[in-house]
C-alpha atoms as a PDB file:
ATOM      1  CA  MET A   1      14.773 -13.436  -5.119  1.00  0.00           C
ATOM      2  CA  ARG A   2      14.761 -10.728  -2.430  1.00  0.00           C
ATOM      3  CA  LYS A   3      11.043 -10.895  -2.848  1.00  0.00           C
ATOM      4  CA  PHE A   4      10.869 -14.532  -2.310  1.00  0.00           C
ATOM      5  CA  LEU A   5      12.920 -14.565   0.799  1.00  0.00           C
ATOM      6  CA  SER A   6      10.816 -11.725   2.356  1.00  0.00           C
ATOM      7  CA  SER A   7       7.892 -14.079   1.904  1.00  0.00           C
ATOM      8  CA  ALA A   8       9.874 -17.041   3.274  1.00  0.00           C
ATOM      9  CA  ALA A   9      10.360 -14.944   6.434  1.00  0.00           C
ATOM     10  CA  ILE A  10       6.679 -14.497   6.779  1.00  0.00           C
ATOM     11  CA  ALA A  11       5.590 -17.958   6.175  1.00  0.00           C
ATOM     12  CA  VAL A  12       8.213 -19.069   8.758  1.00  0.00           C
ATOM     13  CA  VAL A  13       6.553 -17.034  11.145  1.00  0.00           C
ATOM     14  CA  MET A  14       3.070 -18.098  10.028  1.00  0.00           C
ATOM     15  CA  MET A  15       3.665 -21.939  10.338  1.00  0.00           C
ATOM     16  CA  ALA A  16       2.991 -22.794  13.611  1.00  0.00           C
ATOM     17  CA  GLY A  17      -1.001 -21.837  13.122  1.00  0.00           C
ATOM     18  CA  LEU A  18      -0.662 -18.376  14.725  1.00  0.00           C
ATOM     19  CA  SER A  19      -2.785 -15.674  13.939  1.00  0.00           C
ATOM     20  CA  ALA A  20      -1.702 -12.695  12.233  1.00  0.00           C
ATOM     21  CA  ALA A  21      -1.670 -10.789  15.313  1.00  0.00           C
ATOM     22  CA  GLN A  22       0.269 -13.299  17.532  1.00  0.00           C
ATOM     23  CA  ALA A  23       2.851 -13.738  14.472  1.00  0.00           C
ATOM     24  CA  ALA A  24       3.568  -9.828  14.793  1.00  0.00           C
ATOM     25  CA  ASP A  25       4.721 -10.552  18.493  1.00  0.00           C
ATOM     26  CA  VAL A  26       7.214 -13.208  17.278  1.00  0.00           C
ATOM     27  CA  LYS A  27      10.955 -12.347  17.349  1.00  0.00           C
ATOM     28  CA  GLU A  28      12.482 -15.827  17.301  1.00  0.00           C
ATOM     29  CA  VAL A  29      12.075 -18.241  14.616  1.00  0.00           C
ATOM     30  CA  GLN A  30      12.916 -21.968  15.540  1.00  0.00           C
ATOM     31  CA  MET A  31      13.338 -23.995  12.608  1.00  0.00           C
ATOM     32  CA  LEU A  32      13.400 -27.558  12.151  1.00  0.00           C
ATOM     33  CA  HIS A  33      15.335 -28.754   9.237  1.00  0.00           C
ATOM     34  CA  TRP A  34      17.748 -31.670   7.916  1.00  0.00           C
ATOM     35  CA  TRP A  35      20.067 -29.161   5.978  1.00  0.00           C
ATOM     36  CA  THR A  36      23.250 -29.925   7.958  1.00  0.00           C
ATOM     37  CA  SER A  37      25.916 -30.640   5.298  1.00  0.00           C
ATOM     38  CA  GLY A  38      28.242 -27.840   4.554  1.00  0.00           C
ATOM     39  CA  GLY A  39      26.420 -26.702   1.064  1.00  0.00           C
ATOM     40  CA  GLU A  40      23.073 -26.993   2.512  1.00  0.00           C
ATOM     41  CA  ALA A  41      23.929 -25.066   5.715  1.00  0.00           C
ATOM     42  CA  ALA A  42      25.508 -22.273   3.471  1.00  0.00           C
ATOM     43  CA  ALA A  43      22.006 -21.953   1.698  1.00  0.00           C
ATOM     44  CA  LEU A  44      20.315 -21.987   4.797  1.00  0.00           C
ATOM     45  CA  ASN A  45      22.535 -18.985   6.053  1.00  0.00           C
ATOM     46  CA  VAL A  46      20.871 -17.086   3.199  1.00  0.00           C
ATOM     47  CA  LEU A  47      17.443 -17.129   4.739  1.00  0.00           C
ATOM     48  CA  LYS A  48      19.141 -16.656   8.304  1.00  0.00           C
ATOM     49  CA  GLN A  49      20.345 -13.493   7.364  1.00  0.00           C
ATOM     50  CA  ASP A  50      17.517 -12.405   5.742  1.00  0.00           C
ATOM     51  CA  LEU A  51      15.221 -13.125   8.777  1.00  0.00           C
ATOM     52  CA  SER A  52      17.627 -11.017  10.834  1.00  0.00           C
ATOM     53  CA  LYS A  53      17.490  -7.756   8.419  1.00  0.00           C
ATOM     54  CA  GLU A  54      13.767  -8.346   9.204  1.00  0.00           C
ATOM     55  CA  GLY A  55      14.207  -8.388  13.039  1.00  0.00           C
ATOM     56  CA  PHE A  56      14.101 -11.899  13.892  1.00  0.00           C
ATOM     57  CA  ALA A  57      16.181 -14.320  15.729  1.00  0.00           C
ATOM     58  CA  TRP A  58      16.924 -17.706  13.969  1.00  0.00           C
ATOM     59  CA  LYS A  59      16.997 -20.701  16.313  1.00  0.00           C
ATOM     60  CA  ASP A  60      18.405 -23.877  14.513  1.00  0.00           C
ATOM     61  CA  VAL A  61      16.478 -27.043  15.321  1.00  0.00           C
ATOM     62  CA  PRO A  62      18.581 -29.403  13.163  1.00  0.00           C
ATOM     63  CA  VAL A  63      18.146 -32.921  12.805  1.00  0.00           C
ATOM     64  CA  ALA A  64      20.613 -34.668  10.410  1.00  0.00           C
ATOM     65  CA  GLY A  65      20.614 -37.733   8.636  1.00  0.00           C
ATOM     66  CA  GLY A  66      17.695 -39.913   6.740  1.00  0.00           C
ATOM     67  CA  GLY A  67      17.090 -37.558   4.114  1.00  0.00           C
ATOM     68  CA  GLY A  68      14.498 -35.819   6.472  1.00  0.00           C
ATOM     69  CA  ASP A  69      12.957 -39.071   8.186  1.00  0.00           C
ATOM     70  CA  ALA A  70      14.753 -38.307  11.341  1.00  0.00           C
ATOM     71  CA  ALA A  71      13.511 -34.623  11.156  1.00  0.00           C
ATOM     72  CA  MET A  72       9.837 -35.937  10.520  1.00  0.00           C
ATOM     73  CA  THR A  73      10.184 -38.035  13.428  1.00  0.00           C
ATOM     74  CA  ALA A  74      11.301 -35.653  15.719  1.00  0.00           C
ATOM     75  CA  LEU A  75       8.440 -33.332  14.368  1.00  0.00           C
ATOM     76  CA  LYS A  76       5.849 -35.793  15.097  1.00  0.00           C
ATOM     77  CA  ALA A  77       6.713 -36.185  19.004  1.00  0.00           C
ATOM     78  CA  MET A  78       7.259 -32.206  19.147  1.00  0.00           C
ATOM     79  CA  VAL A  79       3.466 -31.629  17.763  1.00  0.00           C
ATOM     80  CA  ALA A  80       2.606 -34.495  19.990  1.00  0.00           C
ATOM     81  CA  ALA A  81       3.982 -32.953  23.222  1.00  0.00           C
ATOM     82  CA  GLY A  82       2.913 -29.276  22.066  1.00  0.00           C
ATOM     83  CA  THR A  83       6.078 -27.919  21.651  1.00  0.00           C
ATOM     84  CA  TYR A  84       6.713 -27.699  17.682  1.00  0.00           C
ATOM     85  CA  PRO A  85       8.685 -25.301  16.245  1.00  0.00           C
ATOM     86  CA  THR A  86       7.777 -22.200  14.333  1.00  0.00           C
ATOM     87  CA  ALA A  87       8.361 -23.507  11.164  1.00  0.00           C
ATOM     88  CA  SER A  88       9.782 -27.050   9.498  1.00  0.00           C
ATOM     89  CA  GLN A  89      11.144 -27.906   6.317  1.00  0.00           C
ATOM     90  CA  MET A  90       8.733 -30.606   5.081  1.00  0.00           C
ATOM     91  CA  LEU A  91       8.230 -32.689   1.518  1.00  0.00           C
ATOM     92  CA  GLY A  92       5.274 -32.989  -0.220  1.00  0.00           C
ATOM     93  CA  TYR A  93       2.149 -34.798   1.133  1.00  0.00           C
ATOM     94  CA  THR A  94       3.674 -34.397   4.759  1.00  0.00           C
ATOM     95  CA  VAL A  95       2.618 -30.887   4.389  1.00  0.00           C
ATOM     96  CA  LEU A  96      -1.063 -31.423   3.827  1.00  0.00           C
ATOM     97  CA  ASP A  97      -1.043 -34.027   6.824  1.00  0.00           C
ATOM     98  CA  TYR A  98       0.006 -31.565   9.144  1.00  0.00           C
ATOM     99  CA  ALA A  99      -2.411 -29.187   7.482  1.00  0.00           C
ATOM    100  CA  GLN A 100      -5.414 -31.726   8.515  1.00  0.00           C
ATOM    101  CA  ALA A 101      -4.165 -31.794  11.822  1.00  0.00           C
ATOM    102  CA  GLY A 102      -4.766 -28.131  12.284  1.00  0.00           C
ATOM    103  CA  VAL A 103      -1.186 -27.105  13.145  1.00  0.00           C
ATOM    104  CA  MET A 104      -0.119 -25.170   9.995  1.00  0.00           C
ATOM    105  CA  GLY A 105      -0.913 -21.391   9.730  1.00  0.00           C
ATOM    106  CA  ASP A 106      -2.839 -19.647   6.956  1.00  0.00           C
ATOM    107  CA  LEU A 107      -0.524 -17.882   4.625  1.00  0.00           C
ATOM    108  CA  THR A 108      -3.216 -16.861   2.086  1.00  0.00           C
ATOM    109  CA  GLU A 109      -3.075 -13.471   2.753  1.00  0.00           C
ATOM    110  CA  THR A 110       0.881 -13.221   1.695  1.00  0.00           C
ATOM    111  CA  ALA A 111       0.180 -15.367  -1.182  1.00  0.00           C
ATOM    112  CA  LYS A 112      -2.597 -13.290  -2.463  1.00  0.00           C
ATOM    113  CA  LYS A 113      -0.341 -10.140  -1.775  1.00  0.00           C
ATOM    114  CA  GLU A 114       2.698 -11.676  -3.501  1.00  0.00           C
ATOM    115  CA  GLY A 115       0.654 -13.453  -6.607  1.00  0.00           C
ATOM    116  CA  TRP A 116       1.564 -17.172  -5.530  1.00  0.00           C
ATOM    117  CA  ASP A 117      -1.305 -18.593  -7.463  1.00  0.00           C
ATOM    118  CA  LYS A 118       0.253 -17.383 -10.447  1.00  0.00           C
ATOM    119  CA  SER A 119       3.849 -17.486 -10.033  1.00  0.00           C
ATOM    120  CA  VAL A 120       3.964 -21.058  -8.048  1.00  0.00           C
ATOM    121  CA  PRO A 121       3.700 -23.870 -10.437  1.00  0.00           C
ATOM    122  CA  ALA A 122       0.036 -26.138 -10.045  1.00  0.00           C
ATOM    123  CA  ALA A 123       2.118 -29.150  -9.229  1.00  0.00           C
ATOM    124  CA  LEU A 124       3.779 -27.735  -6.026  1.00  0.00           C
ATOM    125  CA  GLN A 125       0.513 -25.843  -5.161  1.00  0.00           C
ATOM    126  CA  LYS A 126      -0.939 -29.262  -4.512  1.00  0.00           C
ATOM    127  CA  PHE A 127       1.366 -29.566  -1.778  1.00  0.00           C
ATOM    128  CA  SER A 128       1.122 -26.065  -0.431  1.00  0.00           C
ATOM    129  CA  VAL A 129      -2.614 -25.561  -0.553  1.00  0.00           C
ATOM    130  CA  TYR A 130      -5.184 -27.044   1.820  1.00  0.00           C
ATOM    131  CA  ASP A 131      -8.759 -26.521   2.104  1.00  0.00           C
ATOM    132  CA  GLY A 132      -8.430 -23.531  -0.144  1.00  0.00           C
ATOM    133  CA  LYS A 133      -5.833 -21.926   2.135  1.00  0.00           C
ATOM    134  CA  TRP A 134      -2.014 -21.647   1.401  1.00  0.00           C
ATOM    135  CA  VAL A 135      -0.384 -23.702   4.328  1.00  0.00           C
ATOM    136  CA  ALA A 136       2.970 -23.613   3.163  1.00  0.00           C
ATOM    137  CA  ALA A 137       5.519 -21.586   1.417  1.00  0.00           C
ATOM    138  CA  PRO A 138       7.096 -23.939  -1.585  1.00  0.00           C
END
């Protein structure tokens, strides 16, 4: 699990479409999500703690309600304004929609290093790989 969380920390930084060099300078991760209930928030704290250990500050951008619908509406508005967060919780084809729009980073280097092609089930890869590049960490 530790290895996955380390990958998640890298993925979070890269989701905004930053180059690897730009991502190296990022010290705050803005995370848009809908994990706002007690149990969900507790699970999210695991990621926050791991990022902190890696030297990153976590800035919550929580959007409650709607099973993510309200968060996706907020994300659309943020992207349209050019103020999107470093990372966002997304489901399924939404990842591919944002990849087509050109606002997702390229996580392929991390995916190759950590063997995602072999360890991530093909069904999840359909929503994480766009145009031959890993654009999301499942």
